[in-house]
Protein backbone atom coordinates (compact mmCIF):
# COMPACT_ATOMS: atom_id res chain seq x y z
CA MET A 1 -11.66 -25.38 22.00
CA LYS A 2 -9.10 -23.12 20.69
CA GLU A 3 -7.92 -20.03 23.01
CA SER A 4 -9.47 -16.88 22.10
CA MET A 5 -6.64 -15.22 21.54
CA THR A 6 -3.15 -16.74 20.50
CA LEU A 7 0.20 -15.64 19.52
CA ASP A 8 0.95 -16.90 15.80
CA SER A 9 3.44 -17.06 13.26
CA PHE A 10 3.32 -16.43 9.46
CA SER A 11 3.32 -19.97 8.18
CA ASN A 12 0.66 -20.76 10.30
CA LEU A 13 -1.56 -18.01 9.63
CA GLU A 14 -1.18 -17.48 5.80
CA ALA A 15 -4.28 -19.33 4.23
CA PRO A 16 -6.72 -18.42 6.84
CA TRP A 17 -5.41 -14.95 7.18
CA ARG A 18 -6.07 -14.57 3.27
CA GLN A 19 -9.77 -15.82 3.78
CA LEU A 20 -10.77 -13.76 6.63
CA LEU A 21 -9.59 -10.73 4.39
CA THR A 22 -12.47 -11.68 2.24
CA ASN A 23 -14.85 -10.92 4.93
CA CYS A 24 -13.01 -7.60 6.00
CA ALA A 25 -14.65 -4.20 6.14
CA ASN A 26 -10.35 -2.64 5.19
CA ASN A 27 -9.15 -5.46 2.91
CA ASP A 28 -6.35 -3.70 0.96
CA ILE A 29 -2.80 -4.87 -0.22
CA PHE A 30 -0.81 -3.81 2.78
CA ILE A 31 -2.22 -5.89 5.09
CA THR A 32 -2.12 -9.23 3.37
CA PRO A 33 0.13 -11.67 4.82
CA GLN A 34 2.51 -11.39 1.65
CA TRP A 35 3.16 -7.78 2.28
CA GLN A 36 3.47 -8.08 6.11
CA SER A 37 5.95 -11.32 6.03
CA ALA A 38 8.07 -9.56 3.51
CA TRP A 39 8.21 -6.68 5.74
CA TRP A 40 9.13 -8.69 8.76
CA GLN A 41 11.54 -10.65 6.51
CA VAL A 42 13.77 -7.94 5.95
CA PHE A 43 13.48 -5.44 8.82
CA GLY A 44 11.55 -7.18 12.01
CA HIS A 45 15.21 -8.30 13.23
CA ASP A 46 15.12 -5.26 15.98
CA TYR A 47 11.36 -6.20 17.11
CA GLU A 48 9.57 -8.69 18.87
CA LEU A 49 6.60 -10.26 16.77
CA GLN A 50 3.19 -9.78 18.35
CA LEU A 51 1.28 -11.35 15.70
CA VAL A 52 -1.98 -12.52 17.57
CA SER A 53 -5.24 -14.31 16.29
CA VAL A 54 -8.34 -14.01 17.83
CA TYR A 55 -11.23 -16.72 17.71
CA ASP A 56 -14.60 -17.05 18.39
CA GLY A 57 -15.19 -20.68 19.06
CA GLN A 58 -13.06 -22.34 16.44
CA GLU A 59 -13.83 -19.47 13.92
CA LEU A 60 -10.81 -17.23 13.11
CA VAL A 61 -12.34 -13.87 13.22
CA GLY A 62 -9.37 -11.09 13.86
CA ILE A 63 -5.60 -10.86 13.13
CA THR A 64 -3.38 -8.07 15.00
CA PRO A 65 -0.43 -7.76 13.02
CA LEU A 66 1.96 -5.86 15.95
CA LYS A 67 5.25 -5.61 17.20
CA ARG A 68 6.90 -4.58 19.75
CA HIS A 69 10.61 -2.40 20.45
CA GLU A 70 11.19 -1.97 24.32
CA ASP A 71 7.66 -0.72 25.96
CA VAL A 72 6.02 0.61 22.32
CA LEU A 73 3.92 -1.78 20.46
CA SER A 74 3.15 -0.75 17.13
CA PHE A 75 1.77 -2.36 13.40
CA ILE A 76 4.36 -4.53 11.37
CA GLY A 77 5.30 -2.10 8.87
CA SER A 78 6.81 1.24 8.73
CA PRO A 79 4.88 4.61 7.40
CA ASP A 80 8.01 4.84 4.22
CA VAL A 81 7.02 1.47 2.47
CA CYS A 82 3.48 0.68 3.76
CA ASP A 83 1.41 3.40 2.77
CA TYR A 84 -2.02 2.01 4.93
CA MET A 85 -2.02 -0.22 7.99
CA ASP A 86 -4.72 -1.46 10.07
CA PHE A 87 -5.79 -4.35 12.00
CA ILE A 88 -7.66 -7.10 10.62
CA ALA A 89 -11.15 -8.67 11.57
CA GLY A 90 -14.59 -10.12 10.11
CA GLN A 91 -17.50 -7.89 9.39
CA GLY A 92 -19.50 -7.72 12.41
CA LYS A 93 -16.99 -9.14 14.70
CA GLU A 94 -15.03 -6.16 15.03
CA ASP A 95 -16.30 -4.97 18.54
CA TYR A 96 -15.51 -8.85 19.91
CA VAL A 97 -12.10 -8.96 18.27
CA PHE A 98 -11.19 -5.60 20.09
CA SER A 99 -12.41 -6.22 23.23
CA GLN A 100 -10.49 -9.51 23.08
CA LEU A 101 -7.36 -7.30 22.09
CA LEU A 102 -7.54 -4.81 25.03
CA GLU A 103 -8.29 -7.65 27.85
CA TYR A 104 -4.97 -9.48 26.11
CA LEU A 105 -3.18 -5.98 26.30
CA ALA A 106 -4.39 -5.20 29.76
CA LYS A 107 -2.09 -8.30 30.84
CA THR A 108 0.64 -7.03 28.81
CA GLU A 109 3.90 -4.81 29.82
CA TRP A 110 3.57 -1.78 27.36
CA ARG A 111 3.64 2.03 27.74
CA SER A 112 2.28 3.29 24.51
CA LEU A 113 0.47 1.59 20.91
CA GLU A 114 1.44 3.84 18.03
CA LEU A 115 -0.54 3.12 15.33
CA ASP A 116 0.55 4.94 12.01
CA SER A 117 -1.04 5.18 8.49
CA LEU A 118 -4.54 5.06 9.36
CA LEU A 119 -7.61 5.70 6.79
CA PRO A 120 -10.48 7.28 7.95
CA GLY A 121 -12.47 4.35 7.49
CA SER A 122 -9.93 1.88 9.22
CA LEU A 123 -10.87 -0.47 11.72
CA ALA A 124 -8.50 1.34 14.44
CA LEU A 125 -9.84 4.41 14.02
CA GLN A 126 -13.58 3.17 13.40
CA HIS A 127 -13.43 0.63 16.51
CA PHE A 128 -10.59 0.14 18.56
CA VAL A 129 -9.62 3.70 19.22
CA PRO A 130 -13.29 4.63 20.58
CA LEU A 131 -13.22 1.35 22.33
CA ALA A 132 -9.71 2.05 24.07
CA LYS A 133 -11.47 5.49 24.91
CA GLN A 134 -13.80 3.70 26.79
CA LYS A 135 -11.53 1.47 28.51
CA GLY A 136 -10.05 4.87 30.05
CA TYR A 137 -6.55 4.69 27.60
CA ARG A 138 -5.35 8.15 26.58
CA VAL A 139 -5.96 8.69 23.00
CA GLU A 140 -4.46 11.19 20.53
CA ILE A 141 -5.24 11.70 16.68
CA LYS A 142 -3.79 13.99 14.33
CA GLN A 143 -3.70 13.93 10.75
CA THR A 144 0.22 13.14 9.49
CA ASN A 145 -0.30 13.06 5.13
CA VAL A 146 -2.68 12.71 2.50
CA SER A 147 -3.48 9.63 0.05
CA PRO A 148 -5.14 11.04 -2.98
CA HIS A 149 -7.65 8.51 -4.78
CA LEU A 150 -9.57 8.39 -8.00
CA LEU A 151 -12.55 6.76 -8.64
CA LEU A 152 -12.47 5.55 -12.42
CA PRO A 153 -15.14 5.97 -14.92
CA GLN A 154 -16.03 3.52 -17.39
CA SER A 155 -14.50 4.75 -20.24
CA TRP A 156 -11.26 6.84 -21.44
CA GLU A 157 -13.27 9.78 -22.50
CA ASP A 158 -15.28 9.66 -19.76
CA TYR A 159 -12.10 9.89 -17.45
CA LEU A 160 -10.60 12.81 -19.43
CA ALA A 161 -13.83 14.83 -19.19
CA LEU A 162 -13.23 14.34 -15.38
CA LEU A 163 -10.43 16.41 -15.51
CA LYS A 164 -9.83 20.41 -15.12
CA THR A 165 -10.16 21.85 -18.56
CA LYS A 166 -6.23 23.19 -18.48
CA ASP A 167 -5.10 19.92 -17.11
CA ARG A 168 -7.09 17.75 -19.89
CA HIS A 169 -5.33 20.13 -22.58
CA GLU A 170 -2.18 19.69 -20.85
CA LEU A 171 -2.21 16.17 -20.71
CA ARG A 172 -3.51 15.84 -24.43
CA ARG A 173 -0.61 17.88 -25.59
CA LYS A 174 1.83 15.81 -24.14
CA LEU A 175 0.87 12.73 -25.14
CA ARG A 176 0.69 14.54 -29.22
CA ARG A 177 3.96 15.11 -28.17
CA LEU A 178 5.09 11.73 -27.50
CA GLU A 179 3.15 10.38 -30.17
CA GLN A 180 5.28 12.32 -32.71
CA THR A 181 8.46 10.21 -31.35
CA GLN A 182 9.40 7.21 -33.09
CA SER A 183 8.97 3.67 -31.79
CA VAL A 184 7.27 4.67 -28.62
CA SER A 185 6.13 1.25 -26.84
CA TYR A 186 4.59 0.31 -23.39
CA LEU A 187 5.29 -3.04 -21.71
CA THR A 188 3.82 -4.55 -18.53
CA ILE A 189 5.23 -7.33 -16.53
CA THR A 190 3.47 -9.44 -13.94
CA GLU A 191 4.95 -12.67 -14.35
CA LYS A 192 7.01 -14.00 -11.64
CA GLY A 193 9.68 -15.84 -13.66
CA ILE A 194 10.89 -12.92 -15.27
CA LEU A 195 10.37 -10.06 -12.58
CA PRO A 196 13.78 -10.15 -11.35
CA LEU A 197 15.73 -9.10 -14.33
CA ALA A 198 12.91 -6.33 -14.96
CA MET A 199 13.51 -5.37 -11.55
CA ASP A 200 17.13 -4.60 -11.99
CA THR A 201 15.88 -2.07 -14.53
CA PHE A 202 13.67 -0.45 -12.27
CA PHE A 203 16.30 -0.22 -9.72
CA LYS A 204 18.39 1.36 -12.18
CA LEU A 205 15.90 3.95 -13.02
CA PHE A 206 15.27 4.51 -9.55
CA GLN A 207 18.97 5.32 -9.14
CA LEU A 208 19.06 7.75 -12.07
CA SER A 209 15.47 9.65 -11.12
CA ASN A 210 17.01 12.18 -8.39
CA THR A 211 19.08 12.06 -5.53
CA GLU A 212 15.90 11.93 -3.16
CA LYS A 213 14.79 8.59 -4.94
CA ALA A 214 18.62 7.34 -5.09
CA ASN A 215 18.83 8.11 -1.30
CA PHE A 216 15.30 6.50 -0.42
CA MET A 217 16.65 2.98 -2.15
CA THR A 218 19.04 1.96 0.34
CA ASP A 219 20.38 -1.71 0.43
CA LYS A 220 17.63 -2.89 2.77
CA LYS A 221 14.77 -1.22 0.83
CA ARG A 222 15.96 -2.68 -2.23
CA GLU A 223 15.99 -6.14 -0.44
CA PHE A 224 12.12 -5.40 0.98
CA PHE A 225 11.01 -4.47 -2.61
CA THR A 226 12.81 -7.64 -3.95
CA ALA A 227 10.97 -9.81 -1.69
CA MET A 228 7.61 -7.83 -1.42
CA VAL A 229 7.67 -8.22 -5.33
CA SER A 230 8.16 -12.05 -5.39
CA SER A 231 5.74 -12.67 -2.80
CA LEU A 232 2.91 -10.40 -4.57
CA ALA A 233 3.60 -11.86 -7.83
CA GLU A 234 2.63 -15.51 -6.85
CA GLN A 235 -0.78 -14.27 -6.23
CA GLY A 236 -0.98 -12.29 -9.65
CA ASN A 237 -0.99 -8.57 -7.99
CA ILE A 238 2.35 -7.24 -9.55
CA ARG A 239 2.03 -4.77 -12.49
CA LEU A 240 6.07 -3.86 -13.20
CA SER A 241 5.69 -1.11 -16.31
CA PHE A 242 8.03 0.16 -18.29
CA MET A 243 8.06 2.82 -21.28
CA GLU A 244 10.24 2.09 -24.28
CA ILE A 245 11.65 4.70 -26.33
CA ARG A 246 13.60 3.46 -29.79
CA GLY A 247 14.17 0.11 -27.48
CA VAL A 248 15.49 1.85 -24.18
CA ARG A 249 13.45 1.57 -21.27
CA THR A 250 12.94 5.38 -20.02
CA GLY A 251 10.34 5.11 -17.53
CA THR A 252 8.91 2.66 -14.83
CA THR A 253 6.12 2.60 -12.50
CA LEU A 254 5.55 -0.50 -10.05
CA CYS A 255 1.95 -0.84 -9.19
CA PHE A 256 -0.34 -3.51 -7.72
CA ASP A 257 -4.07 -4.68 -8.38
CA TYR A 258 -5.62 -5.69 -5.24
CA ASN A 259 -9.56 -6.12 -4.40
CA ASN A 260 -10.86 -4.25 -7.77
CA ASP A 261 -8.47 -1.32 -6.84
CA ARG A 262 -4.94 -0.53 -8.71
CA TYR A 263 -2.07 1.07 -6.50
CA LEU A 264 0.34 3.23 -7.89
CA TYR A 265 3.58 2.10 -5.41
CA ASN A 266 6.63 4.03 -6.93
CA SER A 267 8.05 5.14 -10.20
CA ALA A 268 11.43 6.28 -11.75
CA TYR A 269 12.46 7.45 -15.24
CA ASP A 270 15.69 8.63 -17.14
CA PRO A 271 15.95 12.45 -16.66
CA ALA A 272 17.47 12.47 -20.13
CA TYR A 273 13.88 11.71 -21.32
CA SER A 274 11.96 14.68 -19.24
CA SER A 275 11.36 16.42 -22.41
CA LEU A 276 8.98 14.00 -23.01
CA SER A 277 7.17 13.68 -19.95
CA VAL A 278 7.83 9.63 -19.35
CA SER A 279 7.16 9.46 -16.01
CA LEU A 280 3.99 11.40 -16.02
CA LEU A 281 2.53 9.43 -19.20
CA LEU A 282 3.50 6.20 -17.99
CA LYS A 283 1.44 6.61 -15.14
CA VAL A 284 -1.73 8.12 -17.73
CA PHE A 285 -0.97 4.67 -19.30
CA ASN A 286 -1.42 3.04 -16.34
CA ILE A 287 -4.60 4.82 -15.63
CA LYS A 288 -6.07 4.28 -18.92
CA ASP A 289 -5.09 0.45 -18.64
CA ALA A 290 -7.12 0.19 -15.36
CA VAL A 291 -10.08 1.96 -17.10
CA GLU A 292 -9.93 -0.90 -19.88
CA HIS A 293 -9.83 -3.77 -17.25
CA GLY A 294 -12.60 -2.30 -15.14
CA ILE A 295 -10.60 -1.41 -12.29
CA LYS A 296 -12.88 0.87 -10.10
CA ARG A 297 -10.34 2.92 -7.93
CA PHE A 298 -6.99 4.29 -8.95
CA ASP A 299 -5.12 5.00 -5.42
CA PHE A 300 -1.91 7.27 -6.06
CA LEU A 301 -1.10 6.39 -2.47
CA SER A 302 0.54 8.69 0.22
CA GLY A 303 2.12 11.96 -0.61
CA ASN A 304 0.73 15.24 -2.29
CA GLU A 305 2.69 15.47 -5.56
CA SER A 306 1.21 18.02 -7.49
CA TYR A 307 1.08 15.35 -10.80
CA LYS A 308 -1.87 13.38 -8.37
CA TYR A 309 -4.14 16.16 -8.80
CA ASP A 310 -3.37 17.07 -12.17
CA LEU A 311 -4.33 13.46 -13.08
CA GLY A 312 -7.54 13.66 -11.14
CA GLY A 313 -6.61 12.78 -7.66
CA HIS A 314 -8.74 13.42 -4.80
CA ASP A 315 -7.18 13.61 -1.23
CA VAL A 316 -8.33 11.15 1.32
CA PRO A 317 -6.67 12.07 4.90
CA LEU A 318 -4.17 9.56 6.82
CA TYR A 319 -4.28 9.35 10.47
CA ARG A 320 -1.38 8.44 13.34
CA SER A 321 -2.94 7.60 16.50
CA VAL A 322 -1.04 7.19 19.85
CA ILE A 323 -2.78 5.14 22.72
CA THR A 324 -1.03 5.43 25.76
CA ARG A 325 -1.80 4.21 29.48
CA SER A 326 -3.24 6.27 32.04
């Protein structure tokens, strides 16, 4: 019989991890093995891997994707590139998984467990944190950000009807102005074989967009984006889109399709075309495409940028919890 708690590796867990996620209440793109292993490959050198698998008999029922730096434990990932983070546990097995985890942690040297980027429905907040509090650990929870979401209707016209009157009229005005420009087209790339060249254009537009985006895209971040896109493309999750005007790629968005959600992860554009609202309208194109493909939810991800609300987003809070030994 397997030990109930086992320090494990990405290579051993990849297939069962994907299978476990299909029975997990919080199944999102950021806790897939493809995402987590890409982050670890690029940023994991300064940490000790604490990837623990939890078994009930022979059945894998939980994964605790943690890392250690000195006496601090935290999720594999970082809030600057991982919008959501969480534990993985099969439905109905959450209390068992977290009881096992707390028993494991009680025998381990650590000072604090810092859990970032938690959605309100995360397993960490719904199950682990209350159990840790019951066991006598000190628990702090605070809101750190918001993540606007949009539940998508069944048609484009229904989507437009969801918008505030002012926002709907403004959007239609911008669309008409763009339509008057000759030779406008949209292109979405999903195939792994042609993504590397397309990502080069993505990075070039990122550098052009503004100083903040240019400073964000360090060499390490570029390496992570490249590894993550390559890994997720194998599962068919990547949608790298461009707006072309007279054959010139003027704007780009990087989205993920996963579990009937579309995530708007990042975007960039050439400021020379800002008068045509290419950045906003490419995001609108992604929403329209998601509606037409029957996607149920459009996730703008973390941050309170005004365009997210102009396009119908509604805030979902994000939290940070710090658990310390008494």
